Amino acid sequence: MPKGRYKILFQRSAYKEYQSLPKAVRLRVDQALEILSIDPLSEVLRFKKIRGKENHYRIRVGDYRIIYSPQTATLIVRVIRIGHRKDVYRHF
């Protein structure tokens, strides 16, 4: 595991999705993002690789999903989408 914390960067659309989440869900997403900043490939998150994408993963937060791409060389985690499981994979 690399030393230091990862910086969480949102795509503009993902940040808008984050802001529109219900408050209770947003608190749980914040907890998941905290773990992501420590280690984006932590087994605690039970992440799964997204098929067909080079370096994209998803984690579950209840009925919501966070799709992200870790960049280990620069210690950055780019959050690509946050949304309900029924439509988070559309337009991705």
N, C-alpha and C. Protein backbone atom coordinates (compact mmCIF):
# COMPACT_ATOMS: atom_id res chain seq x y z
N MET A 1 0.84 -1.18 0.00
CA MET A 1 0.00 0.00 0.00
C MET A 1 0.88 1.24 0.00
N PRO A 2 0.62 2.21 -0.89
CA PRO A 2 1.43 3.41 -0.92
C PRO A 2 1.27 4.25 0.34
N LYS A 3 2.29 4.98 0.66
CA LYS A 3 2.23 5.85 1.84
C LYS A 3 1.45 7.11 1.51
N GLY A 4 0.74 7.64 2.49
CA GLY A 4 -0.04 8.85 2.30
C GLY A 4 -1.49 8.55 1.97
N ARG A 5 -2.28 9.59 2.01
CA ARG A 5 -3.71 9.46 1.72
C ARG A 5 -3.99 9.83 0.28
N TYR A 6 -5.00 9.22 -0.26
CA TYR A 6 -5.44 9.56 -1.61
C TYR A 6 -6.31 10.80 -1.56
N LYS A 7 -6.22 11.59 -2.59
CA LYS A 7 -7.07 12.76 -2.71
C LYS A 7 -8.29 12.36 -3.52
N ILE A 8 -9.48 12.70 -3.02
CA ILE A 8 -10.73 12.36 -3.70
C ILE A 8 -11.10 13.52 -4.61
N LEU A 9 -11.21 13.24 -5.91
CA LEU A 9 -11.63 14.25 -6.88
C LEU A 9 -12.92 13.79 -7.54
N PHE A 10 -13.90 14.67 -7.57
CA PHE A 10 -15.18 14.37 -8.20
C PHE A 10 -15.21 14.93 -9.61
N GLN A 11 -15.80 14.17 -10.54
CA GLN A 11 -16.16 14.79 -11.80
C GLN A 11 -17.33 15.71 -11.48
N ARG A 12 -17.52 16.73 -12.27
CA ARG A 12 -18.57 17.72 -11.99
C ARG A 12 -19.93 17.04 -11.87
N SER A 13 -20.24 16.14 -12.77
CA SER A 13 -21.54 15.46 -12.73
C SER A 13 -21.68 14.59 -11.48
N ALA A 14 -20.60 13.94 -11.07
CA ALA A 14 -20.65 13.11 -9.87
C ALA A 14 -20.87 13.96 -8.63
N TYR A 15 -20.30 15.16 -8.60
CA TYR A 15 -20.50 16.03 -7.44
C TYR A 15 -21.95 16.49 -7.37
N LYS A 16 -22.56 16.76 -8.51
CA LYS A 16 -23.98 17.14 -8.53
C LYS A 16 -24.84 15.97 -8.05
N GLU A 17 -24.48 14.77 -8.46
CA GLU A 17 -25.21 13.58 -8.00
C GLU A 17 -25.04 13.42 -6.49
N TYR A 18 -23.85 13.67 -6.00
CA TYR A 18 -23.57 13.58 -4.57
C TYR A 18 -24.43 14.57 -3.79
N GLN A 19 -24.51 15.79 -4.27
CA GLN A 19 -25.28 16.82 -3.57
C GLN A 19 -26.78 16.52 -3.56
N SER A 20 -27.26 15.79 -4.56
CA SER A 20 -28.69 15.51 -4.64
C SER A 20 -29.10 14.27 -3.86
N LEU A 21 -28.15 13.57 -3.25
CA LEU A 21 -28.48 12.38 -2.47
C LEU A 21 -29.23 12.77 -1.20
N PRO A 22 -30.09 11.86 -0.71
CA PRO A 22 -30.72 12.09 0.60
C PRO A 22 -29.64 12.18 1.67
N LYS A 23 -29.92 12.94 2.71
CA LYS A 23 -28.91 13.22 3.73
C LYS A 23 -28.37 11.94 4.38
N ALA A 24 -29.23 10.99 4.69
CA ALA A 24 -28.77 9.74 5.33
C ALA A 24 -27.84 8.97 4.41
N VAL A 25 -28.14 8.95 3.13
CA VAL A 25 -27.28 8.25 2.16
C VAL A 25 -25.96 8.99 2.01
N ARG A 26 -26.02 10.32 2.01
CA ARG A 26 -24.81 11.12 1.85
C ARG A 26 -23.84 10.86 3.01
N LEU A 27 -24.36 10.68 4.22
CA LEU A 27 -23.50 10.39 5.37
C LEU A 27 -22.80 9.04 5.19
N ARG A 28 -23.52 8.05 4.66
CA ARG A 28 -22.90 6.74 4.43
C ARG A 28 -21.88 6.82 3.29
N VAL A 29 -22.17 7.62 2.27
CA VAL A 29 -21.23 7.82 1.17
C VAL A 29 -19.96 8.50 1.70
N ASP A 30 -20.12 9.46 2.60
CA ASP A 30 -18.96 10.13 3.20
C ASP A 30 -18.06 9.12 3.92
N GLN A 31 -18.66 8.18 4.62
CA GLN A 31 -17.88 7.15 5.31
C GLN A 31 -17.11 6.29 4.31
N ALA A 32 -17.78 5.93 3.22
CA ALA A 32 -17.11 5.13 2.19
C ALA A 32 -15.98 5.92 1.54
N LEU A 33 -16.19 7.22 1.30
CA LEU A 33 -15.15 8.05 0.70
C LEU A 33 -13.95 8.19 1.64
N GLU A 34 -14.21 8.20 2.92
CA GLU A 34 -13.12 8.26 3.90
C GLU A 34 -12.23 7.01 3.79
N ILE A 35 -12.85 5.86 3.65
CA ILE A 35 -12.08 4.62 3.47
C ILE A 35 -11.35 4.64 2.13
N LEU A 36 -12.03 5.16 1.09
CA LEU A 36 -11.39 5.27 -0.22
C LEU A 36 -10.13 6.12 -0.15
N SER A 37 -10.16 7.17 0.65
CA SER A 37 -9.00 8.06 0.73
C SER A 37 -7.81 7.39 1.41
N ILE A 38 -8.08 6.37 2.22
CA ILE A 38 -7.00 5.63 2.88
C ILE A 38 -6.46 4.55 1.94
N ASP A 39 -7.35 3.75 1.37
CA ASP A 39 -6.95 2.69 0.45
C ASP A 39 -8.12 2.37 -0.48
N PRO A 40 -8.06 2.80 -1.75
CA PRO A 40 -9.18 2.60 -2.67
C PRO A 40 -9.43 1.14 -3.05
N LEU A 41 -8.49 0.27 -2.78
CA LEU A 41 -8.68 -1.14 -3.09
C LEU A 41 -8.70 -1.97 -1.81
N SER A 42 -9.27 -1.39 -0.76
CA SER A 42 -9.38 -2.05 0.53
C SER A 42 -10.46 -3.12 0.47
N GLU A 43 -10.18 -4.27 1.06
CA GLU A 43 -11.16 -5.35 1.10
C GLU A 43 -12.36 -4.98 1.96
N VAL A 44 -12.23 -3.99 2.83
CA VAL A 44 -13.33 -3.53 3.66
C VAL A 44 -14.47 -3.01 2.77
N LEU A 45 -14.12 -2.39 1.66
CA LEU A 45 -15.11 -1.80 0.76
C LEU A 45 -15.84 -2.84 -0.09
N ARG A 46 -15.28 -4.02 -0.20
CA ARG A 46 -15.83 -5.07 -1.08
C ARG A 46 -16.08 -4.52 -2.49
N PHE A 47 -15.04 -3.91 -3.03
CA PHE A 47 -15.13 -3.31 -4.36
C PHE A 47 -15.20 -4.41 -5.42
N LYS A 48 -15.74 -4.03 -6.58
CA LYS A 48 -15.75 -4.93 -7.72
C LYS A 48 -15.27 -4.16 -8.94
N LYS A 49 -14.52 -4.84 -9.77
CA LYS A 49 -14.05 -4.23 -11.02
C LYS A 49 -15.21 -4.18 -12.00
N ILE A 50 -15.30 -3.09 -12.75
CA ILE A 50 -16.34 -2.96 -13.76
C ILE A 50 -15.82 -3.57 -15.06
N ARG A 51 -16.55 -4.52 -15.59
CA ARG A 51 -16.15 -5.19 -16.82
C ARG A 51 -16.15 -4.22 -17.99
N GLY A 52 -15.16 -4.34 -18.84
CA GLY A 52 -15.09 -3.52 -20.04
C GLY A 52 -14.41 -2.18 -19.82
N LYS A 53 -14.05 -1.87 -18.61
CA LYS A 53 -13.36 -0.62 -18.29
C LYS A 53 -11.98 -0.96 -17.72
N GLU A 54 -11.00 -0.18 -18.10
CA GLU A 54 -9.62 -0.47 -17.75
C GLU A 54 -9.35 -0.40 -16.25
N ASN A 55 -9.70 0.69 -15.62
CA ASN A 55 -9.33 0.92 -14.22
C ASN A 55 -10.51 1.52 -13.45
N HIS A 56 -11.68 0.91 -13.59
CA HIS A 56 -12.88 1.42 -12.94
C HIS A 56 -13.43 0.36 -11.98
N TYR A 57 -13.83 0.82 -10.81
CA TYR A 57 -14.36 -0.06 -9.78
C TYR A 57 -15.65 0.54 -9.25
N ARG A 58 -16.42 -0.29 -8.54
CA ARG A 58 -17.62 0.21 -7.90
C ARG A 58 -17.72 -0.37 -6.50
N ILE A 59 -18.32 0.42 -5.63
CA ILE A 59 -18.62 -0.06 -4.28
C ILE A 59 -20.09 0.19 -3.99
N ARG A 60 -20.64 -0.64 -3.14
CA ARG A 60 -22.03 -0.53 -2.75
C ARG A 60 -22.15 0.30 -1.49
N VAL A 61 -23.16 1.17 -1.48
CA VAL A 61 -23.54 1.89 -0.27
C VAL A 61 -25.06 1.76 -0.20
N GLY A 62 -25.52 0.66 0.38
CA GLY A 62 -26.95 0.37 0.38
C GLY A 62 -27.42 0.12 -1.05
N ASP A 63 -28.44 0.86 -1.48
CA ASP A 63 -28.95 0.74 -2.85
C ASP A 63 -28.21 1.66 -3.81
N TYR A 64 -27.21 2.36 -3.34
CA TYR A 64 -26.46 3.31 -4.17
C TYR A 64 -25.09 2.73 -4.50
N ARG A 65 -24.52 3.23 -5.59
CA ARG A 65 -23.20 2.78 -6.03
C ARG A 65 -22.29 3.98 -6.25
N ILE A 66 -21.03 3.79 -5.93
CA ILE A 66 -19.99 4.79 -6.22
C ILE A 66 -19.07 4.15 -7.24
N ILE A 67 -18.96 4.77 -8.40
CA ILE A 67 -18.05 4.30 -9.44
C ILE A 67 -16.83 5.21 -9.41
N TYR A 68 -15.65 4.61 -9.33
CA TYR A 68 -14.43 5.40 -9.17
C TYR A 68 -13.28 4.77 -9.92
N SER A 69 -12.23 5.57 -10.07
CA SER A 69 -11.02 5.12 -10.74
C SER A 69 -9.82 5.57 -9.92
N PRO A 70 -9.10 4.63 -9.28
CA PRO A 70 -7.92 5.01 -8.50
C PRO A 70 -6.69 5.17 -9.40
N GLN A 71 -5.88 6.17 -9.08
CA GLN A 71 -4.62 6.40 -9.78
C GLN A 71 -3.52 6.31 -8.73
N THR A 72 -2.92 5.14 -8.61
CA THR A 72 -1.99 4.89 -7.51
C THR A 72 -0.70 5.68 -7.63
N ALA A 73 -0.27 6.00 -8.84
CA ALA A 73 0.98 6.73 -9.01
C ALA A 73 0.89 8.14 -8.44
N THR A 74 -0.28 8.78 -8.57
CA THR A 74 -0.45 10.16 -8.12
C THR A 74 -1.29 10.28 -6.86
N LEU A 75 -1.71 9.14 -6.28
CA LEU A 75 -2.54 9.11 -5.07
C LEU A 75 -3.83 9.91 -5.25
N ILE A 76 -4.53 9.64 -6.32
CA ILE A 76 -5.80 10.30 -6.61
C ILE A 76 -6.87 9.24 -6.84
N VAL A 77 -8.06 9.47 -6.28
CA VAL A 77 -9.22 8.65 -6.58
C VAL A 77 -10.23 9.56 -7.27
N ARG A 78 -10.55 9.25 -8.52
CA ARG A 78 -11.50 10.06 -9.29
C ARG A 78 -12.87 9.41 -9.19
N VAL A 79 -13.83 10.12 -8.58
CA VAL A 79 -15.20 9.62 -8.47
C VAL A 79 -15.92 10.00 -9.76
N ILE A 80 -16.42 8.98 -10.45
CA ILE A 80 -17.00 9.18 -11.77
C ILE A 80 -18.52 9.30 -11.70
N ARG A 81 -19.17 8.44 -10.94
CA ARG A 81 -20.63 8.48 -10.80
C ARG A 81 -21.01 8.08 -9.40
N ILE A 82 -22.12 8.64 -8.91
CA ILE A 82 -22.75 8.20 -7.67
C ILE A 82 -24.24 8.19 -7.97
N GLY A 83 -24.87 7.07 -7.72
CA GLY A 83 -26.29 7.03 -8.00
C GLY A 83 -26.94 5.75 -7.54
N HIS A 84 -28.27 5.70 -7.71
CA HIS A 84 -29.03 4.52 -7.34
C HIS A 84 -28.67 3.37 -8.26
N ARG A 85 -28.71 2.19 -7.75
CA ARG A 85 -28.25 1.02 -8.50
C ARG A 85 -29.05 0.79 -9.77
N LYS A 86 -30.29 1.26 -9.83
CA LYS A 86 -31.12 0.99 -11.01
C LYS A 86 -30.67 1.79 -12.23
N ASP A 87 -30.01 2.93 -12.02
CA ASP A 87 -29.64 3.72 -13.19
C ASP A 87 -28.23 4.30 -13.17
N VAL A 88 -27.39 3.88 -12.25
CA VAL A 88 -26.04 4.44 -12.17
C VAL A 88 -25.17 3.99 -13.35
N TYR A 89 -25.48 2.83 -13.92
CA TYR A 89 -24.63 2.30 -15.00
C TYR A 89 -25.04 2.83 -16.38
N ARG A 90 -26.16 3.53 -16.47
CA ARG A 90 -26.57 4.13 -17.74
C ARG A 90 -25.67 5.31 -18.04
N HIS A 91 -25.42 5.55 -19.31
CA HIS A 91 -24.61 6.69 -19.75
C HIS A 91 -23.23 6.68 -19.11
N PHE A 92 -22.69 5.49 -18.99
CA PHE A 92 -21.38 5.38 -18.35
C PHE A 92 -20.39 4.79 -19.33
